[in-house]
């Protein structure tokens, strides 16, 4: 008996899209990181968004999650805005 029966070999599983909340959080991390690393945001290498520190590693993970969400047709439910100075 092989590892895969014909029924198993023809069945394909689709990757499930990230939750809408996760997609929105990822989009907000990207916006916040872009702003904090810009001239307007003080060219910081890391920053806080809520109680979470975000940095280049956070940005890279957020890119993957937001890409999957966009591919699934998801839209964000809220938008991050820069703090008033």
Protein backbone atom coordinates (compact mmCIF):
# COMPACT_ATOMS: atom_id res chain seq x y z
CA UNK A 1 0.00 0.00 0.00
CA UNK A 2 1.52 3.32 -1.07
CA UNK A 3 1.50 6.51 0.88
CA UNK A 4 -1.23 8.08 -1.21
CA UNK A 5 -4.39 6.51 -2.47
CA UNK A 6 -5.89 7.86 -5.70
CA UNK A 7 -8.55 9.73 -3.72
CA UNK A 8 -5.90 11.46 -1.65
CA UNK A 9 -3.65 12.32 -4.55
CA UNK A 10 -6.38 14.13 -6.49
CA UNK A 11 -7.73 16.08 -3.55
CA UNK A 12 -6.19 19.52 -3.23
CA UNK A 13 -6.41 21.72 -0.22
CA UNK A 14 -6.46 25.46 -0.60
CA UNK A 15 -4.55 27.56 1.87
CA UNK A 16 -7.01 29.38 4.06
CA UNK A 17 -6.84 33.17 4.00
CA UNK A 18 -5.85 35.00 7.18
CA UNK A 19 -8.62 36.30 9.41
CA UNK A 20 -9.90 39.78 8.53
CA UNK A 21 -8.65 41.14 11.86
CA UNK A 22 -5.19 39.72 11.19
CA UNK A 23 -5.16 41.25 7.71
CA UNK A 24 -6.16 44.66 9.08
CA UNK A 25 -3.47 44.47 11.77
CA UNK A 26 -0.86 43.59 9.15
CA UNK A 27 -1.91 46.52 6.94
CA UNK A 28 -1.73 48.86 9.93
CA UNK A 29 1.75 47.58 10.85
CA UNK A 30 2.91 48.33 7.31
CA UNK A 31 1.47 51.86 7.43
CA UNK A 32 2.91 52.58 10.88
CA UNK A 33 6.34 51.20 10.04
CA UNK A 34 6.48 53.19 6.80
CA UNK A 35 5.59 56.38 8.68
CA UNK A 36 7.97 55.82 11.63
CA UNK A 37 10.90 55.09 9.32
CA UNK A 38 10.17 58.15 7.17
CA UNK A 39 11.42 61.70 7.65
CA UNK A 40 8.03 62.70 9.08
CA UNK A 41 8.14 59.89 11.64
CA UNK A 42 11.67 60.62 12.81
CA UNK A 43 13.48 57.91 10.80
CA UNK A 44 13.24 55.39 13.64
CA UNK A 45 14.26 51.79 13.19
CA UNK A 46 11.50 50.50 15.47
CA UNK A 47 8.35 51.90 17.02
CA UNK A 48 5.34 51.03 19.12
CA UNK A 49 1.87 50.46 17.72
CA UNK A 50 -0.44 50.00 20.66
CA UNK A 51 1.48 47.77 23.07
CA UNK A 52 3.42 46.00 20.33
CA UNK A 53 6.90 46.91 19.13
CA UNK A 54 7.27 46.83 15.36
CA UNK A 55 10.51 46.60 13.41
CA UNK A 56 11.81 45.29 10.09
CA UNK A 57 10.97 41.70 11.05
CA UNK A 58 7.39 42.73 11.87
CA UNK A 59 7.16 44.47 8.51
CA UNK A 60 8.30 41.37 6.65
CA UNK A 61 5.74 39.17 8.41
CA UNK A 62 3.03 41.77 7.80
CA UNK A 63 3.87 41.82 4.07
CA UNK A 64 3.18 38.09 3.83
CA UNK A 65 -0.09 38.26 5.78
CA UNK A 66 -1.41 41.33 3.98
CA UNK A 67 -0.48 39.78 0.63
CA UNK A 68 -2.52 36.68 1.43
CA UNK A 69 -5.42 38.81 2.61
CA UNK A 70 -5.34 40.95 -0.53
CA UNK A 71 -5.20 37.82 -2.69
CA UNK A 72 -8.32 36.58 -0.90
CA UNK A 73 -10.07 39.90 -1.62
CA UNK A 74 -10.11 41.08 1.98
CA UNK A 75 -10.20 44.74 2.87
CA UNK A 76 -9.10 46.33 6.11
CA UNK A 77 -11.69 47.30 8.69
CA UNK A 78 -9.81 50.28 10.14
CA UNK A 79 -6.83 52.41 9.23
CA UNK A 80 -3.79 53.42 11.30
CA UNK A 81 -3.16 57.15 11.54
CA UNK A 82 0.07 58.84 12.64
CA UNK A 83 0.10 60.40 16.09
CA UNK A 84 -0.46 64.13 16.26
CA UNK A 85 2.68 66.04 17.06
